[in-house]
Amino acid sequence: MPTEQRKSARKPINTAGFLFAFDGHPIGPCQVKDVSAGGARLVHSIADEVPKEFFLSLSRNGRVRRRCQVAWRAKGDIGVRFIATHSE
């Protein structure tokens, strides 16, 4: 079995999220399966078509967002790492 390489432990949350392009254009809903300080595992119906970088919103109004970069894709799952913004 591979050795765990994450710096932070995953926390299962299994909650709804929403993806947005950098220009604010909605990409669509997703399921957030787990999250850590450094990233998350998402499920999206068209995971292969999600851009390399996007915003993930966990709030209903879309004001709370995390900038994400795709780390891996596998069978509808997307592993993302959170990217710090200048305001963080």
N, C-alpha and C. Protein backbone atom coordinates (compact mmCIF):
# COMPACT_ATOMS: atom_id res chain seq x y z
N MET A 1 0.83 -1.18 0.00
CA MET A 1 0.00 0.00 0.00
C MET A 1 0.88 1.25 0.00
N PRO A 2 0.51 2.30 -0.80
CA PRO A 2 1.35 3.49 -0.87
C PRO A 2 1.39 4.23 0.47
N THR A 3 2.48 4.90 0.70
CA THR A 3 2.64 5.69 1.91
C THR A 3 1.86 7.00 1.76
N GLU A 4 1.17 7.40 2.81
CA GLU A 4 0.43 8.65 2.82
C GLU A 4 1.40 9.82 2.67
N GLN A 5 1.15 10.72 1.71
CA GLN A 5 2.05 11.83 1.46
C GLN A 5 1.45 13.18 1.82
N ARG A 6 0.22 13.21 2.31
CA ARG A 6 -0.42 14.47 2.65
C ARG A 6 0.21 15.05 3.91
N LYS A 7 0.30 16.38 3.93
CA LYS A 7 0.84 17.07 5.10
C LYS A 7 -0.22 17.22 6.18
N SER A 8 -1.50 17.22 5.77
CA SER A 8 -2.62 17.38 6.71
C SER A 8 -3.59 16.21 6.54
N ALA A 9 -4.17 15.79 7.64
CA ALA A 9 -5.13 14.67 7.60
C ALA A 9 -6.40 15.08 6.88
N ARG A 10 -6.99 14.12 6.16
CA ARG A 10 -8.28 14.34 5.50
C ARG A 10 -9.41 14.24 6.51
N LYS A 11 -10.44 15.06 6.28
CA LYS A 11 -11.64 15.00 7.11
C LYS A 11 -12.81 14.74 6.18
N PRO A 12 -13.50 13.59 6.32
CA PRO A 12 -14.66 13.34 5.47
C PRO A 12 -15.76 14.36 5.77
N ILE A 13 -16.31 14.99 4.72
CA ILE A 13 -17.40 15.95 4.96
C ILE A 13 -18.62 15.66 4.10
N ASN A 14 -18.44 15.08 2.92
CA ASN A 14 -19.54 14.67 2.05
C ASN A 14 -20.64 15.74 1.98
N THR A 15 -20.28 16.91 1.45
CA THR A 15 -21.20 18.03 1.36
C THR A 15 -21.24 18.59 -0.05
N ALA A 16 -22.24 19.37 -0.36
CA ALA A 16 -22.36 19.98 -1.68
C ALA A 16 -21.41 21.16 -1.82
N GLY A 17 -20.86 21.32 -3.01
CA GLY A 17 -20.03 22.45 -3.35
C GLY A 17 -20.41 22.94 -4.73
N PHE A 18 -19.79 24.03 -5.16
CA PHE A 18 -20.06 24.56 -6.49
C PHE A 18 -18.76 25.09 -7.07
N LEU A 19 -18.54 24.82 -8.34
CA LEU A 19 -17.31 25.25 -9.02
C LEU A 19 -17.58 26.46 -9.89
N PHE A 20 -16.62 27.42 -9.85
CA PHE A 20 -16.69 28.63 -10.66
C PHE A 20 -15.37 28.82 -11.40
N ALA A 21 -15.46 29.29 -12.64
CA ALA A 21 -14.26 29.67 -13.39
C ALA A 21 -13.73 30.98 -12.80
N PHE A 22 -12.50 31.34 -13.13
CA PHE A 22 -11.91 32.57 -12.61
C PHE A 22 -12.69 33.82 -13.00
N ASP A 23 -13.38 33.77 -14.15
CA ASP A 23 -14.16 34.94 -14.59
C ASP A 23 -15.53 34.99 -13.92
N GLY A 24 -15.81 34.07 -12.99
CA GLY A 24 -17.08 34.05 -12.28
C GLY A 24 -18.13 33.17 -12.92
N HIS A 25 -17.85 32.66 -14.12
CA HIS A 25 -18.80 31.80 -14.83
C HIS A 25 -18.99 30.49 -14.05
N PRO A 26 -20.24 30.09 -13.79
CA PRO A 26 -20.47 28.83 -13.06
C PRO A 26 -20.09 27.61 -13.90
N ILE A 27 -19.38 26.69 -13.29
CA ILE A 27 -19.03 25.42 -13.93
C ILE A 27 -20.08 24.37 -13.58
N GLY A 28 -20.48 24.34 -12.32
CA GLY A 28 -21.52 23.41 -11.91
C GLY A 28 -21.32 22.88 -10.51
N PRO A 29 -22.30 22.13 -10.03
CA PRO A 29 -22.23 21.58 -8.68
C PRO A 29 -21.26 20.40 -8.60
N CYS A 30 -20.79 20.15 -7.39
CA CYS A 30 -19.94 19.00 -7.14
C CYS A 30 -20.25 18.49 -5.74
N GLN A 31 -19.69 17.35 -5.42
CA GLN A 31 -19.78 16.78 -4.08
C GLN A 31 -18.37 16.83 -3.49
N VAL A 32 -18.23 17.42 -2.32
CA VAL A 32 -16.94 17.47 -1.63
C VAL A 32 -16.91 16.27 -0.70
N LYS A 33 -16.09 15.27 -1.04
CA LYS A 33 -16.04 14.03 -0.26
C LYS A 33 -15.20 14.17 1.00
N ASP A 34 -14.05 14.80 0.88
CA ASP A 34 -13.22 15.04 2.05
C ASP A 34 -12.37 16.28 1.82
N VAL A 35 -11.84 16.81 2.91
CA VAL A 35 -11.07 18.05 2.85
C VAL A 35 -9.94 17.99 3.87
N SER A 36 -8.86 18.69 3.57
CA SER A 36 -7.75 18.86 4.50
C SER A 36 -7.32 20.31 4.42
N ALA A 37 -6.34 20.69 5.19
CA ALA A 37 -5.87 22.08 5.14
C ALA A 37 -5.30 22.42 3.76
N GLY A 38 -4.80 21.42 3.05
CA GLY A 38 -4.14 21.68 1.77
C GLY A 38 -4.95 21.40 0.53
N GLY A 39 -6.12 20.73 0.67
CA GLY A 39 -6.88 20.40 -0.53
C GLY A 39 -8.14 19.62 -0.22
N ALA A 40 -8.70 19.03 -1.29
CA ALA A 40 -9.96 18.31 -1.15
C ALA A 40 -10.10 17.26 -2.24
N ARG A 41 -11.03 16.34 -2.03
CA ARG A 41 -11.42 15.37 -3.06
C ARG A 41 -12.86 15.67 -3.44
N LEU A 42 -13.06 15.93 -4.73
CA LEU A 42 -14.37 16.31 -5.25
C LEU A 42 -14.88 15.24 -6.19
N VAL A 43 -16.19 15.18 -6.33
CA VAL A 43 -16.83 14.34 -7.34
C VAL A 43 -17.64 15.28 -8.22
N HIS A 44 -17.41 15.20 -9.54
CA HIS A 44 -18.12 16.05 -10.50
C HIS A 44 -18.53 15.19 -11.68
N SER A 45 -19.72 15.42 -12.21
CA SER A 45 -20.25 14.57 -13.29
C SER A 45 -19.40 14.62 -14.55
N ILE A 46 -18.72 15.72 -14.80
CA ILE A 46 -17.84 15.81 -15.98
C ILE A 46 -16.43 16.17 -15.51
N ALA A 47 -15.88 15.36 -14.62
CA ALA A 47 -14.58 15.64 -14.01
C ALA A 47 -13.48 15.88 -15.03
N ASP A 48 -13.54 15.20 -16.16
CA ASP A 48 -12.50 15.36 -17.18
C ASP A 48 -12.54 16.73 -17.84
N GLU A 49 -13.68 17.44 -17.74
CA GLU A 49 -13.83 18.74 -18.39
C GLU A 49 -13.63 19.92 -17.45
N VAL A 50 -13.42 19.65 -16.18
CA VAL A 50 -13.17 20.73 -15.22
C VAL A 50 -11.80 21.32 -15.52
N PRO A 51 -11.68 22.67 -15.58
CA PRO A 51 -10.39 23.28 -15.89
C PRO A 51 -9.33 22.98 -14.84
N LYS A 52 -8.09 23.19 -15.20
CA LYS A 52 -6.94 22.92 -14.31
C LYS A 52 -7.00 23.77 -13.03
N GLU A 53 -7.50 25.00 -13.14
CA GLU A 53 -7.66 25.87 -11.97
C GLU A 53 -9.06 26.46 -11.97
N PHE A 54 -9.63 26.62 -10.78
CA PHE A 54 -10.99 27.13 -10.62
C PHE A 54 -11.20 27.52 -9.17
N PHE A 55 -12.38 28.05 -8.88
CA PHE A 55 -12.77 28.36 -7.50
C PHE A 55 -13.78 27.33 -7.03
N LEU A 56 -13.63 26.87 -5.78
CA LEU A 56 -14.57 25.97 -5.13
C LEU A 56 -15.30 26.77 -4.06
N SER A 57 -16.62 26.75 -4.11
CA SER A 57 -17.43 27.42 -3.10
C SER A 57 -18.10 26.36 -2.24
N LEU A 58 -18.01 26.56 -0.94
CA LEU A 58 -18.68 25.67 0.01
C LEU A 58 -19.87 26.36 0.66
N SER A 59 -20.08 27.64 0.35
CA SER A 59 -21.22 28.36 0.92
C SER A 59 -22.34 28.47 -0.10
N ARG A 60 -23.53 28.57 0.37
CA ARG A 60 -24.69 28.65 -0.52
C ARG A 60 -24.68 29.92 -1.37
N ASN A 61 -24.19 31.03 -0.82
CA ASN A 61 -24.21 32.29 -1.56
C ASN A 61 -22.99 32.48 -2.47
N GLY A 62 -22.01 31.59 -2.39
CA GLY A 62 -20.84 31.65 -3.26
C GLY A 62 -19.80 32.67 -2.85
N ARG A 63 -19.98 33.34 -1.72
CA ARG A 63 -19.01 34.36 -1.30
C ARG A 63 -17.75 33.75 -0.69
N VAL A 64 -17.86 32.59 -0.08
CA VAL A 64 -16.69 31.92 0.50
C VAL A 64 -16.15 30.95 -0.53
N ARG A 65 -14.99 31.26 -1.08
CA ARG A 65 -14.41 30.45 -2.15
C ARG A 65 -12.96 30.15 -1.86
N ARG A 66 -12.50 29.01 -2.38
CA ARG A 66 -11.08 28.65 -2.32
C ARG A 66 -10.59 28.46 -3.74
N ARG A 67 -9.45 29.04 -4.04
CA ARG A 67 -8.84 28.84 -5.35
C ARG A 67 -8.20 27.46 -5.35
N CYS A 68 -8.46 26.68 -6.40
CA CYS A 68 -8.01 25.28 -6.46
C CYS A 68 -7.23 25.01 -7.74
N GLN A 69 -6.33 24.05 -7.63
CA GLN A 69 -5.59 23.53 -8.79
C GLN A 69 -5.75 22.01 -8.77
N VAL A 70 -6.10 21.44 -9.92
CA VAL A 70 -6.27 19.99 -10.02
C VAL A 70 -4.92 19.30 -9.83
N ALA A 71 -4.88 18.34 -8.90
CA ALA A 71 -3.68 17.54 -8.66
C ALA A 71 -3.78 16.19 -9.36
N TRP A 72 -5.00 15.63 -9.41
CA TRP A 72 -5.22 14.35 -10.07
C TRP A 72 -6.70 14.20 -10.42
N ARG A 73 -6.99 13.29 -11.35
CA ARG A 73 -8.35 12.95 -11.77
C ARG A 73 -8.43 11.43 -11.89
N ALA A 74 -9.53 10.84 -11.43
CA ALA A 74 -9.72 9.40 -11.54
C ALA A 74 -11.19 9.04 -11.41
N LYS A 75 -11.79 8.51 -12.46
CA LYS A 75 -13.17 7.98 -12.44
C LYS A 75 -14.17 8.93 -11.80
N GLY A 76 -14.22 10.17 -12.24
CA GLY A 76 -15.18 11.13 -11.71
C GLY A 76 -14.72 11.88 -10.48
N ASP A 77 -13.64 11.44 -9.86
CA ASP A 77 -13.08 12.14 -8.71
C ASP A 77 -12.01 13.12 -9.18
N ILE A 78 -11.90 14.22 -8.44
CA ILE A 78 -10.88 15.22 -8.72
C ILE A 78 -10.18 15.53 -7.40
N GLY A 79 -8.88 15.37 -7.37
CA GLY A 79 -8.10 15.77 -6.20
C GLY A 79 -7.58 17.18 -6.46
N VAL A 80 -7.83 18.11 -5.54
CA VAL A 80 -7.38 19.48 -5.73
C VAL A 80 -6.52 19.92 -4.57
N ARG A 81 -5.59 20.83 -4.88
CA ARG A 81 -4.83 21.49 -3.82
C ARG A 81 -5.29 22.94 -3.77
N PHE A 82 -5.38 23.47 -2.57
CA PHE A 82 -5.79 24.86 -2.39
C PHE A 82 -4.58 25.75 -2.68
N ILE A 83 -4.84 26.84 -3.41
CA ILE A 83 -3.80 27.78 -3.76
C ILE A 83 -4.04 29.06 -2.98
N ALA A 84 -3.03 29.55 -2.30
CA ALA A 84 -3.16 30.78 -1.53
C ALA A 84 -3.33 31.96 -2.49
N THR A 85 -4.17 32.90 -2.09
CA THR A 85 -4.33 34.13 -2.86
C THR A 85 -3.60 35.24 -2.14
N HIS A 86 -3.47 36.39 -2.79
CA HIS A 86 -2.75 37.50 -2.19
C HIS A 86 -3.41 38.02 -0.91
N SER A 87 -4.72 37.80 -0.78
CA SER A 87 -5.44 38.28 0.39
C SER A 87 -5.33 37.32 1.57
N GLU A 88 -4.75 36.12 1.38
CA GLU A 88 -4.63 35.14 2.47
C GLU A 88 -3.35 35.35 3.24
